Protein backbone atom coordinates (compact mmCIF):
# COMPACT_ATOMS: atom_id res chain seq x y z
CA UNK A 1 -51.13 -8.30 -16.42
CA UNK A 2 -47.92 -8.64 -18.46
CA UNK A 3 -49.68 -11.01 -20.88
CA UNK A 4 -52.65 -8.66 -21.29
CA UNK A 5 -50.33 -5.70 -21.76
CA UNK A 6 -48.50 -7.54 -24.53
CA UNK A 7 -51.79 -8.46 -26.20
CA UNK A 8 -52.98 -4.86 -25.95
CA UNK A 9 -49.72 -3.73 -27.56
CA UNK A 10 -50.58 -5.89 -30.57
CA UNK A 11 -54.19 -4.70 -30.61
CA UNK A 12 -53.12 -1.07 -30.51
CA UNK A 13 -50.70 -1.65 -33.36
CA UNK A 14 -53.44 -3.18 -35.50
CA UNK A 15 -55.81 -0.39 -34.60
CA UNK A 16 -53.23 2.24 -35.58
CA UNK A 17 -52.94 0.58 -38.99
CA UNK A 18 -56.67 1.08 -39.53
CA UNK A 19 -57.75 -2.50 -38.81
CA UNK A 20 -61.11 -3.19 -37.18
CA UNK A 21 -60.43 -5.31 -34.10
CA UNK A 22 -62.77 -7.08 -31.69
CA UNK A 23 -61.64 -8.87 -28.53
CA UNK A 24 -63.58 -11.70 -26.94
CA UNK A 25 -62.21 -12.26 -23.47
CA UNK A 26 -62.65 -14.66 -20.61
CA UNK A 27 -61.60 -14.09 -17.02
CA UNK A 28 -64.52 -12.42 -15.22
CA UNK A 29 -65.10 -15.40 -12.94
CA UNK A 30 -61.36 -15.88 -12.38
CA UNK A 31 -61.00 -12.20 -11.50
CA UNK A 32 -63.92 -12.42 -9.07
CA UNK A 33 -62.39 -15.52 -7.48
CA UNK A 34 -59.16 -13.63 -6.87
CA UNK A 35 -60.93 -10.63 -5.33
CA UNK A 36 -62.99 -12.88 -3.05
CA UNK A 37 -60.04 -15.17 -2.22
CA UNK A 38 -61.91 -18.25 -3.37
CA UNK A 39 -59.62 -21.32 -3.30
CA UNK A 40 -61.20 -22.98 -6.35
CA UNK A 41 -63.67 -22.30 -9.14
CA UNK A 42 -67.26 -22.41 -7.80
CA UNK A 43 -69.44 -25.30 -8.93
CA UNK A 44 -72.93 -23.84 -8.45
CA UNK A 45 -74.63 -21.45 -10.87
CA UNK A 46 -75.33 -18.90 -8.14
CA UNK A 47 -71.71 -18.78 -7.00
CA UNK A 48 -70.40 -18.61 -10.57
CA UNK A 49 -72.74 -15.71 -11.34
CA UNK A 50 -71.73 -13.92 -8.14
CA UNK A 51 -68.02 -14.36 -8.91
CA UNK A 52 -68.65 -13.00 -12.40
CA UNK A 53 -70.52 -10.01 -11.00
CA UNK A 54 -67.54 -9.20 -8.78
CA UNK A 55 -64.97 -9.68 -11.52
CA UNK A 56 -66.63 -8.42 -14.68
CA UNK A 57 -66.16 -4.68 -14.22
CA UNK A 58 -62.67 -5.10 -12.79
CA UNK A 59 -61.61 -7.23 -15.77
CA UNK A 60 -62.87 -4.68 -18.27
CA UNK A 61 -61.20 -1.85 -16.35
CA UNK A 62 -57.83 -3.52 -16.95
CA UNK A 63 -58.48 -3.67 -20.69
CA UNK A 64 -59.82 -0.13 -20.74
CA UNK A 65 -56.79 1.30 -18.95
CA UNK A 66 -54.27 -0.66 -21.00
CA UNK A 67 -55.92 0.32 -24.28
CA UNK A 68 -56.42 3.94 -23.25
CA UNK A 69 -52.70 4.17 -22.40
CA UNK A 70 -52.14 3.09 -26.02
CA UNK A 71 -54.57 5.73 -27.37
CA UNK A 72 -57.33 3.25 -28.17
CA UNK A 73 -60.92 3.82 -27.06
CA UNK A 74 -62.67 0.63 -25.99
CA UNK A 75 -66.22 -0.40 -25.11
CA UNK A 76 -67.47 -3.21 -22.93
CA UNK A 77 -70.05 -5.43 -24.63
CA UNK A 78 -71.77 -8.20 -22.67
CA UNK A 79 -73.64 -10.78 -24.72
CA UNK A 80 -75.95 -13.59 -23.70
CA UNK A 81 -76.89 -16.72 -25.58
CA UNK A 82 -80.34 -15.19 -26.10
CA UNK A 83 -78.72 -12.26 -27.93
CA UNK A 84 -77.45 -14.72 -30.51
CA UNK A 85 -80.37 -17.16 -30.62
CA UNK A 86 -83.12 -14.55 -31.10
CA UNK A 87 -82.87 -13.19 -34.63
CA UNK A 88 -83.84 -9.60 -33.77
CA UNK A 89 -81.34 -9.46 -30.90
CA UNK A 90 -78.70 -10.99 -33.20
CA UNK A 91 -79.18 -8.25 -35.76
CA UNK A 92 -79.15 -5.60 -33.03
CA UNK A 93 -75.85 -6.97 -31.71
CA UNK A 94 -74.41 -6.81 -35.24
CA UNK A 95 -75.56 -3.19 -35.63
CA UNK A 96 -74.05 -2.18 -32.28
CA UNK A 97 -70.69 -3.77 -33.08
CA UNK A 98 -70.70 -2.27 -36.57
CA UNK A 99 -71.37 1.19 -35.14
CA UNK A 100 -68.59 0.86 -32.57
CA UNK A 101 -66.14 -0.17 -35.29
CA UNK A 102 -67.27 2.76 -37.46
CA UNK A 103 -66.50 5.02 -34.49
CA UNK A 104 -63.01 3.46 -34.26
CA UNK A 105 -63.88 1.94 -30.88
CA UNK A 106 -62.47 -1.47 -29.96
CA UNK A 107 -65.22 -3.72 -28.48
CA UNK A 108 -64.19 -5.98 -25.60
CA UNK A 109 -66.78 -8.74 -25.46
CA UNK A 110 -67.55 -11.25 -22.75
CA UNK A 111 -70.52 -13.45 -21.98
CA UNK A 112 -72.82 -11.97 -19.38
CA UNK A 113 -72.14 -14.77 -16.88
CA UNK A 114 -74.08 -12.87 -14.23
CA UNK A 115 -77.37 -13.83 -15.88
CA UNK A 116 -76.37 -16.93 -17.87
CA UNK A 117 -77.37 -20.44 -16.80
CA UNK A 118 -76.35 -23.87 -18.04
CA UNK A 119 -79.35 -23.83 -20.36
CA UNK A 120 -78.69 -20.38 -21.83
CA UNK A 121 -74.92 -20.04 -21.95
CA UNK A 122 -72.35 -20.30 -24.71
CA UNK A 123 -70.43 -22.81 -22.57
CA UNK A 124 -67.07 -21.17 -23.20
CA UNK A 125 -65.64 -18.12 -24.89
CA UNK A 126 -64.23 -20.03 -27.86
CA UNK A 127 -67.80 -20.69 -29.00
CA UNK A 128 -68.71 -17.07 -28.30
CA UNK A 129 -65.68 -15.87 -30.30
CA UNK A 130 -66.70 -18.00 -33.27
CA UNK A 131 -70.25 -16.69 -33.03
CA UNK A 132 -69.01 -13.10 -33.02
CA UNK A 133 -66.68 -13.80 -35.97
CA UNK A 134 -69.63 -15.13 -37.97
CA UNK A 135 -71.84 -12.28 -36.78
CA UNK A 136 -69.52 -9.57 -38.12
CA UNK A 137 -68.13 -11.57 -41.09
CA UNK A 138 -64.60 -11.28 -39.71
CA UNK A 139 -61.55 -11.58 -41.95
CA UNK A 140 -59.82 -13.85 -39.43
CA UNK A 141 -60.41 -15.47 -36.05
CA UNK A 142 -57.45 -15.91 -33.70
CA UNK A 143 -57.94 -18.14 -30.65
CA UNK A 144 -55.33 -17.70 -27.93
CA UNK A 145 -54.36 -20.48 -25.55
CA UNK A 146 -51.45 -21.39 -23.27
CA UNK A 147 -49.79 -23.87 -25.64
CA UNK A 148 -48.41 -23.40 -29.14
CA UNK A 149 -51.42 -24.77 -31.03
CA UNK A 150 -53.19 -28.03 -31.76
CA UNK A 151 -51.07 -31.10 -31.05
CA UNK A 152 -51.54 -34.72 -32.04
CA UNK A 153 -52.13 -35.35 -28.30
CA UNK A 154 -51.91 -33.30 -25.11
CA UNK A 155 -48.20 -32.37 -24.97
CA UNK A 156 -48.40 -32.06 -21.19
CA UNK A 157 -49.25 -35.75 -21.00
CA UNK A 158 -47.52 -37.06 -24.15
CA UNK A 159 -43.98 -35.68 -24.65
CA UNK A 160 -43.80 -37.20 -28.15
CA UNK A 161 -46.85 -35.25 -29.38
CA UNK A 162 -46.16 -32.84 -32.24
CA UNK A 163 -47.97 -29.74 -33.40
CA UNK A 164 -50.42 -29.77 -36.31
CA UNK A 165 -49.47 -26.68 -38.29
CA UNK A 166 -52.22 -26.73 -40.94
CA UNK A 167 -55.74 -28.15 -41.09
CA UNK A 168 -57.67 -28.15 -44.35
CA UNK A 169 -59.96 -31.11 -43.64
CA UNK A 170 -61.49 -31.59 -40.21
CA UNK A 171 -61.94 -35.31 -40.90
CA UNK A 172 -58.15 -35.59 -40.63
CA UNK A 173 -58.48 -34.78 -36.93
CA UNK A 174 -60.73 -37.74 -36.10
CA UNK A 175 -57.85 -39.90 -34.87
CA UNK A 176 -56.22 -37.24 -32.71
CA UNK A 177 -56.55 -37.10 -28.95
CA UNK A 178 -58.13 -33.67 -28.70
CA UNK A 179 -59.13 -33.29 -25.09
CA UNK A 180 -61.18 -31.07 -22.84
CA UNK A 181 -58.28 -30.25 -20.51
CA UNK A 182 -58.76 -26.82 -18.97
CA UNK A 183 -57.14 -24.67 -16.35
CA UNK A 184 -58.57 -24.61 -12.82
CA UNK A 185 -59.92 -21.12 -13.52
CA UNK A 186 -61.74 -21.58 -16.80
CA UNK A 187 -63.95 -23.66 -19.03
CA UNK A 188 -63.28 -24.92 -22.53
CA UNK A 189 -60.09 -26.62 -23.68
CA UNK A 190 -58.54 -27.51 -27.03
CA UNK A 191 -61.61 -29.39 -28.24
CA UNK A 192 -63.74 -26.27 -27.86
CA UNK A 193 -61.19 -24.30 -29.90
CA UNK A 194 -61.29 -26.88 -32.70
CA UNK A 195 -65.11 -26.76 -32.71
CA UNK A 196 -64.95 -22.95 -32.83
CA UNK A 197 -62.51 -23.18 -35.75
CA UNK A 198 -64.86 -25.57 -37.55
CA UNK A 199 -67.73 -23.15 -37.09
CA UNK A 200 -65.79 -20.10 -38.27
CA UNK A 201 -64.16 -21.76 -41.27
CA UNK A 202 -67.58 -23.00 -42.41
CA UNK A 203 -68.46 -19.32 -42.72
CA UNK A 204 -65.36 -18.71 -44.83
CA UNK A 205 -63.29 -17.28 -41.95
CA UNK A 206 -59.70 -18.58 -41.60
CA UNK A 207 -58.83 -19.39 -38.01
CA UNK A 208 -55.59 -19.73 -36.05
CA UNK A 209 -54.98 -21.30 -32.66
CA UNK A 210 -51.77 -19.97 -31.13
CA UNK A 211 -49.98 -19.31 -27.85
CA UNK A 212 -51.26 -16.11 -26.29
CA UNK A 213 -48.69 -16.22 -23.50
CA UNK A 214 -45.85 -15.64 -25.96
CA UNK A 215 -46.22 -12.12 -27.37
CA UNK A 216 -44.11 -13.00 -30.40
CA UNK A 217 -46.57 -15.77 -31.35
CA UNK A 218 -49.51 -13.40 -31.74
CA UNK A 219 -47.26 -10.89 -33.53
CA UNK A 220 -46.24 -13.60 -35.99
CA UNK A 221 -49.85 -14.58 -36.71
CA UNK A 222 -50.83 -10.96 -37.26
CA UNK A 223 -47.90 -10.60 -39.65
CA UNK A 224 -49.14 -13.59 -41.64
CA UNK A 225 -46.22 -15.78 -40.60
CA UNK A 226 -46.39 -19.50 -39.90
CA UNK A 227 -47.30 -19.90 -36.24
CA UNK A 228 -49.60 -22.15 -34.24
CA UNK A 229 -52.28 -24.13 -36.06
CA UNK A 230 -53.97 -22.55 -39.06
CA UNK A 231 -57.38 -23.72 -40.24
CA UNK A 232 -58.08 -22.85 -43.85
CA UNK A 233 -61.32 -21.10 -44.69
CA UNK A 234 -63.85 -23.30 -46.40
CA UNK A 235 -66.19 -22.21 -49.14
CA UNK A 236 -69.07 -20.41 -47.46
CA UNK A 237 -72.10 -22.54 -48.24
CA UNK A 238 -74.75 -20.57 -46.41
CA UNK A 239 -76.29 -17.11 -46.23
CA UNK A 240 -75.84 -15.13 -43.02
CA UNK A 241 -79.36 -16.13 -42.01
CA UNK A 242 -78.63 -19.82 -42.45
CA UNK A 243 -75.32 -19.49 -40.61
CA UNK A 244 -77.27 -17.98 -37.73
CA UNK A 245 -79.78 -20.82 -37.90
CA UNK A 246 -77.08 -23.49 -38.08
CA UNK A 247 -74.81 -22.22 -35.33
CA UNK A 248 -76.65 -19.74 -33.13
CA UNK A 249 -80.29 -20.75 -32.81
CA UNK A 250 -80.69 -23.71 -30.43
CA UNK A 251 -82.81 -26.71 -31.43
CA UNK A 252 -85.84 -27.32 -29.24
CA UNK A 253 -86.96 -30.66 -30.69
CA UNK A 254 -86.42 -33.34 -33.32
CA UNK A 255 -88.37 -34.42 -36.39
CA UNK A 256 -87.91 -37.99 -37.66
CA UNK A 257 -88.47 -38.25 -41.41
CA UNK A 258 -88.97 -41.10 -43.90
CA UNK A 259 -86.81 -42.06 -46.88
CA UNK A 260 -88.72 -39.88 -49.35
CA UNK A 261 -88.36 -36.83 -47.16
CA UNK A 262 -84.67 -37.62 -46.66
CA UNK A 263 -84.13 -37.36 -50.40
CA UNK A 264 -86.11 -34.11 -50.59
CA UNK A 265 -84.20 -32.54 -47.70
CA UNK A 266 -80.75 -33.78 -48.65
CA UNK A 267 -80.61 -31.94 -51.95
CA UNK A 268 -81.84 -28.78 -50.24
CA UNK A 269 -84.34 -27.90 -52.94
CA UNK A 270 -87.58 -28.99 -51.25
CA UNK A 271 -89.45 -28.03 -48.11
CA UNK A 272 -90.28 -30.62 -45.46
CA UNK A 273 -93.99 -31.48 -45.52
CA UNK A 274 -95.99 -33.18 -42.75
CA UNK A 275 -96.48 -36.25 -44.98
CA UNK A 276 -92.75 -37.04 -44.73
CA UNK A 277 -92.59 -36.84 -40.94
CA UNK A 278 -92.88 -40.07 -38.95
CA UNK A 279 -92.13 -38.83 -35.44
CA UNK A 280 -91.94 -35.69 -33.30
CA UNK A 281 -89.64 -35.61 -30.27
CA UNK A 282 -89.71 -32.89 -27.63
CA UNK A 283 -91.92 -29.90 -26.94
CA UNK A 284 -91.51 -26.74 -28.99
CA UNK A 285 -93.49 -23.82 -30.39
CA UNK A 286 -93.99 -22.65 -33.96
CA UNK A 287 -90.91 -20.61 -34.86
CA UNK A 288 -88.52 -22.76 -32.83
CA UNK A 289 -85.61 -24.55 -34.47
CA UNK A 290 -85.70 -28.34 -34.74
CA UNK A 291 -83.22 -31.00 -35.82
CA UNK A 292 -84.32 -33.06 -38.81
CA UNK A 293 -83.21 -36.66 -38.42
CA UNK A 294 -83.39 -39.69 -40.67
CA UNK A 295 -85.68 -42.38 -39.25
CA UNK A 296 -83.46 -45.11 -37.77
CA UNK A 297 -83.76 -48.51 -39.38
CA UNK A 298 -82.85 -52.03 -38.38
CA UNK A 299 -80.28 -52.09 -35.59
CA UNK A 300 -79.77 -48.33 -35.57
CA UNK A 301 -80.54 -46.74 -32.22
CA UNK A 302 -80.40 -43.24 -33.61
CA UNK A 303 -80.79 -41.87 -37.11
CA UNK A 304 -78.43 -39.47 -38.81
CA UNK A 305 -79.05 -35.73 -38.40
CA UNK A 306 -79.59 -34.27 -41.87
CA UNK A 307 -80.59 -30.69 -41.30
CA UNK A 308 -81.91 -28.04 -38.98
CA UNK A 309 -84.85 -25.77 -39.62
CA UNK A 310 -87.45 -23.44 -38.20
CA UNK A 311 -90.72 -25.28 -37.71
CA UNK A 312 -94.02 -23.75 -38.80
CA UNK A 313 -95.94 -25.87 -36.26
CA UNK A 314 -95.81 -26.41 -32.53
CA UNK A 315 -94.96 -29.95 -31.42
CA UNK A 316 -98.57 -30.61 -30.42
CA UNK A 317 -99.91 -29.35 -33.77
CA UNK A 318 -97.39 -31.33 -35.74
CA UNK A 319 -98.18 -34.57 -33.90
CA UNK A 320 -101.79 -34.19 -34.99
CA UNK A 321 -100.88 -34.06 -38.70
CA UNK A 322 -97.81 -36.33 -38.90
CA UNK A 323 -97.87 -38.41 -42.09
CA UNK A 324 -100.76 -36.49 -43.64
CA UNK A 325 -100.83 -34.81 -47.04
CA UNK A 326 -101.22 -31.04 -46.99
CA UNK A 327 -104.94 -31.06 -47.86
CA UNK A 328 -105.68 -33.57 -45.09
CA UNK A 329 -103.56 -31.60 -42.64
CA UNK A 330 -105.59 -28.46 -43.39
CA UNK A 331 -108.80 -30.34 -42.54
CA UNK A 332 -107.42 -30.77 -39.02
CA UNK A 333 -105.59 -27.44 -38.77
CA UNK A 334 -107.35 -25.09 -41.25
CA UNK A 335 -104.80 -22.29 -40.96
CA UNK A 336 -101.76 -24.54 -40.93
CA UNK A 337 -98.88 -24.01 -43.33
CA UNK A 338 -98.38 -26.46 -46.16
CA UNK A 339 -94.78 -26.88 -45.05
CA UNK A 340 -93.66 -28.13 -41.67
CA UNK A 341 -90.26 -26.55 -42.42
CA UNK A 342 -89.99 -24.25 -45.43
CA UNK A 343 -86.87 -24.67 -47.56
CA UNK A 344 -85.94 -21.02 -46.99
CA UNK A 345 -85.72 -21.75 -43.26
CA UNK A 346 -83.83 -25.02 -43.53
CA UNK A 347 -80.08 -25.62 -43.51
CA UNK A 348 -78.62 -29.00 -44.51
CA UNK A 349 -75.65 -30.37 -42.55
């Protein structure tokens, strides 16, 4: 409670300055565990959902009371993976959050764990936070944890590890021991925070990982001071639609493409045609997202993923026209699109 109160102090201060603030929180399952006196985090989906159902409202009530005491009106917003992966729902979520911010209401967001499953969940709230940051085109994403930032190794296991204060190139992190260590109550870990930072910075959003247990750490970040690990914003390469496609819409299958199609896709100026496809993996419908992968050669077991796009064909339809020129494909599927993946619905890695 003391930690949340300190965080809410900072939030209220920002709000009073006219800033638009959104909180993405975890803790519904942990709160439910405490209410039900569960000795450890449940392992089954049903028990996790039940614990979330018990804890969700009680968690938000704490935020609501703390913020109300600081003269801030809040709103609970529960999102599911489907809300982000379905384009219409995604836009509706953006409109709702925009309206709340216009009303000077502070949204407190959590995943709706009560209905989420392994197949349709964000996995952890770091990923959800990055998704929300991209959704609303945030000025900054701050990820709170229980250590001072990203270290060269887990400082709880390696006393000689030192903090990484600035990251401008994610390739520089390849040699670091960035683990999945989590608390007994939650999911995620430092690796998930680094992935979230990579996602947000790709959308041009600077990101900071800092210690949320120390109130002065968050205050320093909000004041623009050097604290925690700061990830510099990268040049935003994609439109909001393509950011949604790249990070929010899940892939349902894989298309293997030949060398000619690789060249066409890599420069981003051409659509992917059936003639360039050599293999279709998985089952998907027209309108689903697919990974576009270079055909493996020689000793390669798996080709390199080049892009992601929305397929104009179902998997069954595409298998019937693989390798065919557009005119020949139309002889088999008269109403088929010329493009398997149109360039407007394709994002290159």
